């Protein structure tokens, strides 16, 4: 799988090209009238007027696959891969059509999208080529797609630091899921790869899955929300696989199995997730209450008096 990126000025020219091939078919779309080429073009042009200062509103990416993968690539599967590719590329909240061609031995499709989003904001193209390299590599690994002979692996060391870290977290989480049946096993696997798992809490204490708002991963001093790595790493999706159950007996057992882990955080064993917080038991997101601040100030004054200060 490879992606060839282009930008342009004319939706009409681009759409005539992708729709003009024999057996061209639209296999996915959003926000576009599909009656004919004129309707498709007009749909894109109406939205570009939300931000007329942008000179190149046309986004065009050709996604091509190896002939060896042809039997796997049904229209539905190709569209699914393209959707995940768009997510990894940051192409969201905008119009697009995905057009499949059948005129070569290599299965391929053309993604035409509006760089002016539904909100009138521009979808950035900064770092597109690096993101494209990473996105195609991740998807090939995820779905077992065939590599080109001269591009067996992405040289992760040459990537920008933040992109490299995201890439490493993605691979580690995917591997951890293959080897883990519980949150503890999942967390232990990530710790061995120097990745810290944190839960964003809805409430002061986590006693059930509904108390967790989301997940963060930290590696090499950089922290990312799970959605920045992949939407498939949301807490709900991970918990569906790692199965934190919440019967009363299990909750009580989990509370008793609270233990420290090497980095100084706290880990809830058993079927529950890892809970990370400072050793004083107060989450970094939760500021101290006024009552707690006053109590600590009084305590400090008493200590000073005791030392005759």
C-alpha atoms as a PDB file:
ATOM      1  CA  UNK A   1       0.000   0.000   0.000  1.00  0.00           C
ATOM      2  CA  UNK A   2       1.297   3.421  -0.968  1.00  0.00           C
ATOM      3  CA  UNK A   3      -0.264   6.873  -1.000  1.00  0.00           C
ATOM      4  CA  UNK A   4       0.480   9.519  -3.651  1.00  0.00           C
ATOM      5  CA  UNK A   5      -0.498  12.995  -2.492  1.00  0.00           C
ATOM      6  CA  UNK A   6      -1.536  15.910  -4.687  1.00  0.00           C
ATOM      7  CA  UNK A   7      -3.185  19.283  -4.139  1.00  0.00           C
ATOM      8  CA  UNK A   8      -4.923  21.375  -6.764  1.00  0.00           C
ATOM      9  CA  UNK A   9      -7.111  24.341  -7.672  1.00  0.00           C
ATOM     10  CA  UNK A  10      -9.878  22.748  -9.755  1.00  0.00           C
ATOM     11  CA  UNK A  11     -12.387  20.261  -8.401  1.00  0.00           C
ATOM     12  CA  UNK A  12     -13.867  19.923 -11.872  1.00  0.00           C
ATOM     13  CA  UNK A  13     -10.632  18.746 -13.468  1.00  0.00           C
ATOM     14  CA  UNK A  14      -9.829  16.344 -10.639  1.00  0.00           C
ATOM     15  CA  UNK A  15     -13.303  14.795 -10.545  1.00  0.00           C
ATOM     16  CA  UNK A  16     -13.467  14.415 -14.347  1.00  0.00           C
ATOM     17  CA  UNK A  17     -10.177  12.537 -14.145  1.00  0.00           C
ATOM     18  CA  UNK A  18     -11.113  10.112 -11.346  1.00  0.00           C
ATOM     19  CA  UNK A  19     -14.644   9.503 -12.699  1.00  0.00           C
ATOM     20  CA  UNK A  20     -13.599   9.278 -16.355  1.00  0.00           C
ATOM     21  CA  UNK A  21     -11.863   5.890 -16.164  1.00  0.00           C
ATOM     22  CA  UNK A  22     -13.632   2.735 -17.325  1.00  0.00           C
ATOM     23  CA  UNK A  23     -15.548   1.030 -14.514  1.00  0.00           C
ATOM     24  CA  UNK A  24     -14.791   3.846 -12.065  1.00  0.00           C
ATOM     25  CA  UNK A  25     -17.112   3.511  -9.075  1.00  0.00           C
ATOM     26  CA  UNK A  26     -17.669   5.559  -5.938  1.00  0.00           C
ATOM     27  CA  UNK A  27     -17.302   3.182  -2.977  1.00  0.00           C
ATOM     28  CA  UNK A  28     -17.586   5.760  -0.182  1.00  0.00           C
ATOM     29  CA  UNK A  29     -18.426   9.438   0.221  1.00  0.00           C
ATOM     30  CA  UNK A  30     -19.604  12.130   2.607  1.00  0.00           C
ATOM     31  CA  UNK A  31     -21.363  15.451   2.123  1.00  0.00           C
ATOM     32  CA  UNK A  32     -21.484  15.268  -1.690  1.00  0.00           C
ATOM     33  CA  UNK A  33     -24.372  14.953  -4.181  1.00  0.00           C
ATOM     34  CA  UNK A  34     -23.563  11.956  -6.395  1.00  0.00           C
ATOM     35  CA  UNK A  35     -26.002  12.299  -9.306  1.00  0.00           C
ATOM     36  CA  UNK A  36     -23.364  13.129 -11.925  1.00  0.00           C
ATOM     37  CA  UNK A  37     -19.971  14.793 -12.359  1.00  0.00           C
ATOM     38  CA  UNK A  38     -21.533  18.266 -12.407  1.00  0.00           C
ATOM     39  CA  UNK A  39     -23.381  17.710  -9.120  1.00  0.00           C
ATOM     40  CA  UNK A  40     -20.261  16.317  -7.442  1.00  0.00           C
ATOM     41  CA  UNK A  41     -18.189  19.284  -8.633  1.00  0.00           C
ATOM     42  CA  UNK A  42     -20.791  21.825  -7.553  1.00  0.00           C
ATOM     43  CA  UNK A  43     -21.003  20.221  -4.088  1.00  0.00           C
ATOM     44  CA  UNK A  44     -17.262  20.693  -3.565  1.00  0.00           C
ATOM     45  CA  UNK A  45     -17.263  24.208  -5.003  1.00  0.00           C
ATOM     46  CA  UNK A  46     -20.104  25.407  -2.767  1.00  0.00           C
ATOM     47  CA  UNK A  47     -18.134  24.372   0.306  1.00  0.00           C
ATOM     48  CA  UNK A  48     -14.854  25.891  -0.892  1.00  0.00           C
ATOM     49  CA  UNK A  49     -16.598  29.277  -0.742  1.00  0.00           C
ATOM     50  CA  UNK A  50     -16.529  28.999   3.057  1.00  0.00           C
ATOM     51  CA  UNK A  51     -12.857  29.967   2.774  1.00  0.00           C
ATOM     52  CA  UNK A  52     -12.262  31.480  -0.693  1.00  0.00           C
ATOM     53  CA  UNK A  53      -8.763  32.722   0.166  1.00  0.00           C
ATOM     54  CA  UNK A  54      -7.350  29.188  -0.066  1.00  0.00           C
ATOM     55  CA  UNK A  55      -5.872  28.779  -3.549  1.00  0.00           C
ATOM     56  CA  UNK A  56      -5.544  24.978  -3.488  1.00  0.00           C
ATOM     57  CA  UNK A  57      -8.675  23.547  -1.872  1.00  0.00           C
ATOM     58  CA  UNK A  58      -8.491  20.228  -3.726  1.00  0.00           C
ATOM     59  CA  UNK A  59      -7.031  17.271  -1.858  1.00  0.00           C
ATOM     60  CA  UNK A  60      -6.302  14.205  -4.010  1.00  0.00           C
ATOM     61  CA  UNK A  61      -4.592  11.046  -2.758  1.00  0.00           C
ATOM     62  CA  UNK A  62      -4.231   7.842  -4.775  1.00  0.00           C
ATOM     63  CA  UNK A  63      -4.070   4.729  -2.573  1.00  0.00           C
ATOM     64  CA  UNK A  64      -2.511   1.788  -4.389  1.00  0.00           C
ATOM     65  CA  UNK A  65      -2.072  -1.825  -3.257  1.00  0.00           C
ATOM     66  CA  UNK A  66      -0.016  -4.779  -4.453  1.00  0.00           C
ATOM     67  CA  UNK A  67      -1.599  -7.364  -6.804  1.00  0.00           C
ATOM     68  CA  UNK A  68      -1.020 -10.031  -4.135  1.00  0.00           C
ATOM     69  CA  UNK A  69      -3.671  -8.328  -1.966  1.00  0.00           C
ATOM     70  CA  UNK A  70      -6.360  -8.198  -4.654  1.00  0.00           C
ATOM     71  CA  UNK A  71      -8.472 -11.041  -3.250  1.00  0.00           C
ATOM     72  CA  UNK A  72      -8.626  -9.306   0.151  1.00  0.00           C
ATOM     73  CA  UNK A  73      -9.638  -5.939  -1.201  1.00  0.00           C
ATOM     74  CA  UNK A  74     -13.394  -5.979  -1.534  1.00  0.00           C
ATOM     75  CA  UNK A  75     -14.978  -2.539  -1.964  1.00  0.00           C
ATOM     76  CA  UNK A  76     -16.019  -2.589   1.710  1.00  0.00           C
ATOM     77  CA  UNK A  77     -12.527  -3.491   2.941  1.00  0.00           C
ATOM     78  CA  UNK A  78     -10.836  -0.922   0.717  1.00  0.00           C
ATOM     79  CA  UNK A  79     -13.229   1.754   1.997  1.00  0.00           C
ATOM     80  CA  UNK A  80     -12.512   0.710   5.599  1.00  0.00           C
ATOM     81  CA  UNK A  81      -8.757   1.041   5.042  1.00  0.00           C
ATOM     82  CA  UNK A  82      -9.252   4.424   3.375  1.00  0.00           C
ATOM     83  CA  UNK A  83     -11.326   5.658   6.324  1.00  0.00           C
ATOM     84  CA  UNK A  84      -8.582   4.656   8.773  1.00  0.00           C
ATOM     85  CA  UNK A  85      -5.979   6.250   6.511  1.00  0.00           C
ATOM     86  CA  UNK A  86      -7.943   9.527   6.509  1.00  0.00           C
ATOM     87  CA  UNK A  87      -8.120   9.432  10.292  1.00  0.00           C
ATOM     88  CA  UNK A  88      -4.364   8.923  10.590  1.00  0.00           C
ATOM     89  CA  UNK A  89      -3.789  11.765   8.108  1.00  0.00           C
ATOM     90  CA  UNK A  90      -6.080  14.177   9.955  1.00  0.00           C
ATOM     91  CA  UNK A  91      -8.561  14.360   7.073  1.00  0.00           C
ATOM     92  CA  UNK A  92     -11.754  14.681   9.090  1.00  0.00           C
ATOM     93  CA  UNK A  93     -14.967  16.735   9.172  1.00  0.00           C
ATOM     94  CA  UNK A  94     -15.029  17.419   5.445  1.00  0.00           C
ATOM     95  CA  UNK A  95     -16.466  16.314   2.104  1.00  0.00           C
ATOM     96  CA  UNK A  96     -14.888  13.444   0.205  1.00  0.00           C
ATOM     97  CA  UNK A  97     -15.468  10.818  -2.449  1.00  0.00           C
ATOM     98  CA  UNK A  98     -13.540   7.554  -2.716  1.00  0.00           C
ATOM     99  CA  UNK A  99     -13.403   6.266  -6.296  1.00  0.00           C
ATOM    100  CA  UNK A 100     -12.151   2.782  -7.154  1.00  0.00           C
ATOM    101  CA  UNK A 101     -10.473   2.051 -10.498  1.00  0.00           C
ATOM    102  CA  UNK A 102     -10.062  -1.330 -12.177  1.00  0.00           C
ATOM    103  CA  UNK A 103      -7.765  -0.366 -15.056  1.00  0.00           C
ATOM    104  CA  UNK A 104      -4.468  -1.750 -13.645  1.00  0.00           C
ATOM    105  CA  UNK A 105      -3.215  -4.930 -11.981  1.00  0.00           C
ATOM    106  CA  UNK A 106      -2.688  -2.965  -8.779  1.00  0.00           C
ATOM    107  CA  UNK A 107      -5.949  -2.479  -6.864  1.00  0.00           C
ATOM    108  CA  UNK A 108      -6.276   1.237  -6.204  1.00  0.00           C
ATOM    109  CA  UNK A 109      -8.649   4.037  -5.374  1.00  0.00           C
ATOM    110  CA  UNK A 110      -8.630   7.824  -5.504  1.00  0.00           C
ATOM    111  CA  UNK A 111      -9.559   9.910  -2.487  1.00  0.00           C
ATOM    112  CA  UNK A 112     -10.766  13.378  -3.444  1.00  0.00           C
ATOM    113  CA  UNK A 113     -11.515  15.606  -0.473  1.00  0.00           C
ATOM    114  CA  UNK A 114     -12.209  19.245   0.268  1.00  0.00           C
ATOM    115  CA  UNK A 115      -9.380  20.906   2.174  1.00  0.00           C
ATOM    116  CA  UNK A 116     -12.004  23.384   3.417  1.00  0.00           C
ATOM    117  CA  UNK A 117     -13.835  21.571   6.210  1.00  0.00           C
ATOM    118  CA  UNK A 118     -17.490  21.796   7.174  1.00  0.00           C
ATOM    119  CA  UNK A 119     -16.496  24.457   9.705  1.00  0.00           C
ATOM    120  CA  UNK A 120     -14.682  26.569   7.082  1.00  0.00           C
ATOM    121  CA  UNK A 121     -11.261  25.761   8.521  1.00  0.00           C
ATOM    122  CA  UNK A 122      -8.402  24.489   6.355  1.00  0.00           C
ATOM    123  CA  UNK A 123      -7.240  20.908   6.722  1.00  0.00           C
ATOM    124  CA  UNK A 124      -3.505  21.348   7.125  1.00  0.00           C
ATOM    125  CA  UNK A 125      -1.116  19.708   4.696  1.00  0.00           C
ATOM    126  CA  UNK A 126       1.921  20.310   6.897  1.00  0.00           C
ATOM    127  CA  UNK A 127       3.934  17.103   7.301  1.00  0.00           C
ATOM    128  CA  UNK A 128       1.673  15.208   4.879  1.00  0.00           C
ATOM    129  CA  UNK A 129       4.439  13.113   3.392  1.00  0.00           C
ATOM    130  CA  UNK A 130       5.760  11.917   6.741  1.00  0.00           C
ATOM    131  CA  UNK A 131       2.246  11.188   7.988  1.00  0.00           C
ATOM    132  CA  UNK A 132       1.529   9.324   4.763  1.00  0.00           C
ATOM    133  CA  UNK A 133       4.620   7.173   5.252  1.00  0.00           C
ATOM    134  CA  UNK A 134       3.624   6.349   8.812  1.00  0.00           C
ATOM    135  CA  UNK A 135      -0.063   5.786   8.040  1.00  0.00           C
ATOM    136  CA  UNK A 136       0.550   3.362   5.181  1.00  0.00           C
ATOM    137  CA  UNK A 137       3.116   1.455   7.260  1.00  0.00           C
ATOM    138  CA  UNK A 138       0.715   1.126  10.188  1.00  0.00           C
ATOM    139  CA  UNK A 139      -2.117  -0.087   7.977  1.00  0.00           C
ATOM    140  CA  UNK A 140       0.071  -2.597   6.170  1.00  0.00           C
ATOM    141  CA  UNK A 141       1.177  -4.017   9.502  1.00  0.00           C
ATOM    142  CA  UNK A 142      -2.337  -3.990  10.939  1.00  0.00           C
ATOM    143  CA  UNK A 143      -3.951  -5.842   8.035  1.00  0.00           C
ATOM    144  CA  UNK A 144      -0.988  -7.919   6.825  1.00  0.00           C
ATOM    145  CA  UNK A 145      -0.806  -6.179   3.436  1.00  0.00           C
ATOM    146  CA  UNK A 146       2.088  -6.801   1.068  1.00  0.00           C
ATOM    147  CA  UNK A 147       5.142  -4.553   1.147  1.00  0.00           C
ATOM    148  CA  UNK A 148       6.875  -3.267  -1.963  1.00  0.00           C
ATOM    149  CA  UNK A 149      10.260  -4.945  -2.341  1.00  0.00           C
ATOM    150  CA  UNK A 150      12.219  -1.720  -1.826  1.00  0.00           C
ATOM    151  CA  UNK A 151      10.233  -0.459   1.187  1.00  0.00           C
ATOM    152  CA  UNK A 152      10.127  -3.300   3.665  1.00  0.00           C
ATOM    153  CA  UNK A 153      10.260  -1.052   6.705  1.00  0.00           C
ATOM    154  CA  UNK A 154       9.864   2.573   7.658  1.00  0.00           C
ATOM    155  CA  UNK A 155      13.064   3.976   9.119  1.00  0.00           C
ATOM    156  CA  UNK A 156      11.511   5.108  12.386  1.00  0.00           C
ATOM    157  CA  UNK A 157      14.744   6.756  13.567  1.00  0.00           C
ATOM    158  CA  UNK A 158      14.492   9.339  10.792  1.00  0.00           C
ATOM    159  CA  UNK A 159      10.964  10.411  11.694  1.00  0.00           C
ATOM    160  CA  UNK A 160      10.179  13.578  13.663  1.00  0.00           C
ATOM    161  CA  UNK A 161      10.334  12.822  17.384  1.00  0.00           C
ATOM    162  CA  UNK A 162       6.610  13.155  18.124  1.00  0.00           C
ATOM    163  CA  UNK A 163       5.637  11.058  15.104  1.00  0.00           C
ATOM    164  CA  UNK A 164       8.212   8.430  16.045  1.00  0.00           C
ATOM    165  CA  UNK A 165       6.842   8.209  19.580  1.00  0.00           C
ATOM    166  CA  UNK A 166       3.267   7.881  18.314  1.00  0.00           C
ATOM    167  CA  UNK A 167       4.383   5.135  15.972  1.00  0.00           C
ATOM    168  CA  UNK A 168       6.160   3.266  18.777  1.00  0.00           C
ATOM    169  CA  UNK A 169       3.160   3.587  21.121  1.00  0.00           C
ATOM    170  CA  UNK A 170       0.810   2.293  18.424  1.00  0.00           C
ATOM    171  CA  UNK A 171       2.956  -0.779  17.800  1.00  0.00           C
ATOM    172  CA  UNK A 172       3.420  -1.447  21.517  1.00  0.00           C
ATOM    173  CA  UNK A 173      -0.313  -1.194  22.266  1.00  0.00           C
ATOM    174  CA  UNK A 174      -1.173  -3.507  19.356  1.00  0.00           C
ATOM    175  CA  UNK A 175       1.388  -6.029  20.586  1.00  0.00           C
ATOM    176  CA  UNK A 176       0.211  -5.685  24.192  1.00  0.00           C
ATOM    177  CA  UNK A 177      -3.362  -6.487  23.165  1.00  0.00           C
ATOM    178  CA  UNK A 178      -2.195  -9.691  21.520  1.00  0.00           C
ATOM    179  CA  UNK A 179      -0.492 -10.822  24.737  1.00  0.00           C
ATOM    180  CA  UNK A 180      -2.928  -9.544  27.371  1.00  0.00           C
ATOM    181  CA  UNK A 181      -6.205 -10.750  28.793  1.00  0.00           C
ATOM    182  CA  UNK A 182      -6.451  -8.290  31.694  1.00  0.00           C
ATOM    183  CA  UNK A 183      -5.658  -4.641  32.290  1.00  0.00           C
ATOM    184  CA  UNK A 184      -2.782  -5.639  34.566  1.00  0.00           C
ATOM    185  CA  UNK A 185      -1.131  -7.753  31.877  1.00  0.00           C
ATOM    186  CA  UNK A 186      -1.707  -4.952  29.372  1.00  0.00           C
ATOM    187  CA  UNK A 187      -0.166  -2.349  31.695  1.00  0.00           C
ATOM    188  CA  UNK A 188       2.807  -4.587  32.586  1.00  0.00           C
ATOM    189  CA  UNK A 189       3.565  -5.096  28.896  1.00  0.00           C
ATOM    190  CA  UNK A 190       3.587  -1.343  28.258  1.00  0.00           C
ATOM    191  CA  UNK A 191       5.750  -0.633  31.330  1.00  0.00           C
ATOM    192  CA  UNK A 192       8.403  -3.032  29.996  1.00  0.00           C
ATOM    193  CA  UNK A 193       8.498  -0.835  26.889  1.00  0.00           C
ATOM    194  CA  UNK A 194       8.762   2.398  28.917  1.00  0.00           C
ATOM    195  CA  UNK A 195       5.185   3.461  28.171  1.00  0.00           C
ATOM    196  CA  UNK A 196       3.025   4.831  30.962  1.00  0.00           C
ATOM    197  CA  UNK A 197      -0.729   4.301  30.876  1.00  0.00           C
ATOM    198  CA  UNK A 198      -2.944   6.871  32.596  1.00  0.00           C
ATOM    199  CA  UNK A 199      -6.697   7.145  32.996  1.00  0.00           C
ATOM    200  CA  UNK A 200      -8.534  10.463  32.770  1.00  0.00           C
ATOM    201  CA  UNK A 201     -11.097  10.371  35.576  1.00  0.00           C
ATOM    202  CA  UNK A 202     -14.649  11.671  35.590  1.00  0.00           C
ATOM    203  CA  UNK A 203     -14.800  11.374  39.376  1.00  0.00           C
ATOM    204  CA  UNK A 204     -12.318  11.587  42.246  1.00  0.00           C
ATOM    205  CA  UNK A 205     -12.067   7.801  42.567  1.00  0.00           C
ATOM    206  CA  UNK A 206     -12.281   5.080  39.941  1.00  0.00           C
ATOM    207  CA  UNK A 207     -14.613   2.350  41.111  1.00  0.00           C
ATOM    208  CA  UNK A 208     -16.271   1.337  37.859  1.00  0.00           C
ATOM    209  CA  UNK A 209     -15.663   1.762  34.103  1.00  0.00           C
ATOM    210  CA  UNK A 210     -18.111   4.681  33.906  1.00  0.00           C
ATOM    211  CA  UNK A 211     -15.740   6.703  36.151  1.00  0.00           C
ATOM    212  CA  UNK A 212     -13.133   6.761  33.376  1.00  0.00           C
ATOM    213  CA  UNK A 213     -13.350   9.444  30.709  1.00  0.00           C
ATOM    214  CA  UNK A 214     -10.377   8.441  28.576  1.00  0.00           C
ATOM    215  CA  UNK A 215      -6.796   7.189  28.323  1.00  0.00           C
ATOM    216  CA  UNK A 216      -3.389   8.811  27.896  1.00  0.00           C
ATOM    217  CA  UNK A 217      -0.062   7.239  26.935  1.00  0.00           C
ATOM    218  CA  UNK A 218       3.324   8.732  27.847  1.00  0.00           C
ATOM    219  CA  UNK A 219       6.683   7.778  26.349  1.00  0.00           C
ATOM    220  CA  UNK A 220      10.008   9.632  26.197  1.00  0.00           C
ATOM    221  CA  UNK A 221       8.463  12.592  28.013  1.00  0.00           C
ATOM    222  CA  UNK A 222       5.653  13.006  25.470  1.00  0.00           C
ATOM    223  CA  UNK A 223       1.997  12.415  26.330  1.00  0.00           C
ATOM    224  CA  UNK A 224      -0.782  11.695  23.851  1.00  0.00           C
ATOM    225  CA  UNK A 225      -4.481  11.063  24.210  1.00  0.00           C
ATOM    226  CA  UNK A 226      -5.472   7.616  22.975  1.00  0.00           C
ATOM    227  CA  UNK A 227      -7.416   9.210  20.120  1.00  0.00           C
ATOM    228  CA  UNK A 228      -4.198  10.863  18.895  1.00  0.00           C
ATOM    229  CA  UNK A 229      -2.687   7.401  18.464  1.00  0.00           C
ATOM    230  CA  UNK A 230      -5.771   5.622  17.108  1.00  0.00           C
ATOM    231  CA  UNK A 231      -9.497   5.700  17.734  1.00  0.00           C
ATOM    232  CA  UNK A 232      -9.418   1.950  18.208  1.00  0.00           C
ATOM    233  CA  UNK A 233      -7.553   2.586  21.500  1.00  0.00           C
ATOM    234  CA  UNK A 234     -10.452   4.298  23.245  1.00  0.00           C
ATOM    235  CA  UNK A 235     -11.138   3.087  26.780  1.00  0.00           C
ATOM    236  CA  UNK A 236     -14.456   1.538  25.741  1.00  0.00           C
ATOM    237  CA  UNK A 237     -12.837  -0.521  22.978  1.00  0.00           C
ATOM    238  CA  UNK A 238      -9.890  -1.627  25.079  1.00  0.00           C
ATOM    239  CA  UNK A 239     -12.109  -2.496  28.012  1.00  0.00           C
ATOM    240  CA  UNK A 240     -14.308  -4.607  25.735  1.00  0.00           C
ATOM    241  CA  UNK A 241     -11.263  -6.796  25.127  1.00  0.00           C
ATOM    242  CA  UNK A 242      -9.574  -6.616  28.523  1.00  0.00           C
ATOM    243  CA  UNK A 243     -12.870  -7.104  30.349  1.00  0.00           C
ATOM    244  CA  UNK A 244     -13.001  -5.121  33.586  1.00  0.00           C
ATOM    245  CA  UNK A 245     -16.074  -6.475  35.353  1.00  0.00           C
ATOM    246  CA  UNK A 246     -17.697  -4.654  38.210  1.00  0.00           C
ATOM    247  CA  UNK A 247     -19.573  -7.035  40.482  1.00  0.00           C
ATOM    248  CA  UNK A 248     -19.456  -6.006  44.154  1.00  0.00           C
ATOM    249  CA  UNK A 249     -17.265  -8.933  45.143  1.00  0.00           C
ATOM    250  CA  UNK A 250     -14.769  -8.152  42.380  1.00  0.00           C
ATOM    251  CA  UNK A 251     -14.661  -4.449  43.279  1.00  0.00           C
ATOM    252  CA  UNK A 252     -13.860  -5.328  46.888  1.00  0.00           C
ATOM    253  CA  UNK A 253     -11.180  -7.774  45.761  1.00  0.00           C
ATOM    254  CA  UNK A 254      -9.649  -5.165  43.482  1.00  0.00           C
ATOM    255  CA  UNK A 255      -9.471  -2.585  46.275  1.00  0.00           C
ATOM    256  CA  UNK A 256      -7.592  -5.072  48.464  1.00  0.00           C
ATOM    257  CA  UNK A 257      -5.089  -5.849  45.710  1.00  0.00           C
ATOM    258  CA  UNK A 258      -3.868  -2.269  45.362  1.00  0.00           C
ATOM    259  CA  UNK A 259      -0.077  -2.286  45.173  1.00  0.00           C
ATOM    260  CA  UNK A 260       2.790  -0.062  44.154  1.00  0.00           C
ATOM    261  CA  UNK A 261       4.539  -0.404  40.834  1.00  0.00           C
ATOM    262  CA  UNK A 262       8.199   0.484  40.111  1.00  0.00           C
ATOM    263  CA  UNK A 263       7.605   4.005  38.751  1.00  0.00           C
ATOM    264  CA  UNK A 264       5.852   5.140  41.909  1.00  0.00           C
ATOM    265  CA  UNK A 265       2.327   5.125  40.568  1.00  0.00           C
ATOM    266  CA  UNK A 266      -0.470   2.875  41.735  1.00  0.00           C
ATOM    267  CA  UNK A 267      -1.790  -0.189  39.964  1.00  0.00           C
ATOM    268  CA  UNK A 268      -5.094  -1.855  40.618  1.00  0.00           C
ATOM    269  CA  UNK A 269      -4.636  -5.562  40.022  1.00  0.00           C
ATOM    270  CA  UNK A 270      -7.155  -8.239  39.177  1.00  0.00           C
ATOM    271  CA  UNK A 271      -9.688  -7.488  36.480  1.00  0.00           C
ATOM    272  CA  UNK A 272      -9.637  -3.735  37.055  1.00  0.00           C
ATOM    273  CA  UNK A 273      -7.482  -1.183  35.214  1.00  0.00           C
ATOM    274  CA  UNK A 274      -4.237   0.401  36.366  1.00  0.00           C
ATOM    275  CA  UNK A 275      -4.842   3.535  38.375  1.00  0.00           C
ATOM    276  CA  UNK A 276      -2.064   6.078  38.303  1.00  0.00           C
ATOM    277  CA  UNK A 277      -1.877   8.950  40.737  1.00  0.00           C
ATOM    278  CA  UNK A 278       0.777  10.674  42.882  1.00  0.00           C
ATOM    279  CA  UNK A 279       1.768   8.917  46.089  1.00  0.00           C
ATOM    280  CA  UNK A 280      -0.293  11.406  48.122  1.00  0.00           C
ATOM    281  CA  UNK A 281      -3.374  10.018  46.407  1.00  0.00           C
ATOM    282  CA  UNK A 282      -4.385  13.232  44.617  1.00  0.00           C
ATOM    283  CA  UNK A 283      -4.632  13.167  40.841  1.00  0.00           C
ATOM    284  CA  UNK A 284      -2.579  15.711  38.860  1.00  0.00           C
ATOM    285  CA  UNK A 285      -5.810  16.919  37.232  1.00  0.00           C
ATOM    286  CA  UNK A 286      -7.476  17.659  40.560  1.00  0.00           C
ATOM    287  CA  UNK A 287      -6.420  20.892  42.330  1.00  0.00           C
ATOM    288  CA  UNK A 288      -6.342  20.899  46.091  1.00  0.00           C
ATOM    289  CA  UNK A 289      -9.516  22.093  47.749  1.00  0.00           C
ATOM    290  CA  UNK A 290      -9.496  25.340  49.759  1.00  0.00           C
ATOM    291  CA  UNK A 291     -10.052  23.330  52.920  1.00  0.00           C
ATOM    292  CA  UNK A 292      -7.042  21.126  52.189  1.00  0.00           C
ATOM    293  CA  UNK A 293      -4.835  24.151  51.449  1.00  0.00           C
ATOM    294  CA  UNK A 294      -5.791  25.796  54.758  1.00  0.00           C
ATOM    295  CA  UNK A 295      -5.170  22.568  56.647  1.00  0.00           C
ATOM    296  CA  UNK A 296      -1.663  22.269  55.200  1.00  0.00           C
ATOM    297  CA  UNK A 297      -0.845  25.908  55.962  1.00  0.00           C
ATOM    298  CA  UNK A 298      -1.902  25.447  59.595  1.00  0.00           C
ATOM    299  CA  UNK A 299       0.250  22.348  59.809  1.00  0.00           C
ATOM    300  CA  UNK A 300       3.295  24.226  58.480  1.00  0.00           C
ATOM    301  CA  UNK A 301       2.782  27.081  60.993  1.00  0.00           C
ATOM    302  CA  UNK A 302       2.577  24.578  63.869  1.00  0.00           C
ATOM    303  CA  UNK A 303       5.847  22.977  62.765  1.00  0.00           C
ATOM    304  CA  UNK A 304       7.593  26.385  62.658  1.00  0.00           C
ATOM    305  CA  UNK A 305       6.377  27.150  66.192  1.00  0.00           C
ATOM    306  CA  UNK A 306       7.646  23.788  67.375  1.00  0.00           C
ATOM    307  CA  UNK A 307      11.122  24.610  66.085  1.00  0.00           C
ATOM    308  CA  UNK A 308      11.007  28.099  67.586  1.00  0.00           C
ATOM    309  CA  UNK A 309      10.949  29.827  64.223  1.00  0.00           C
END
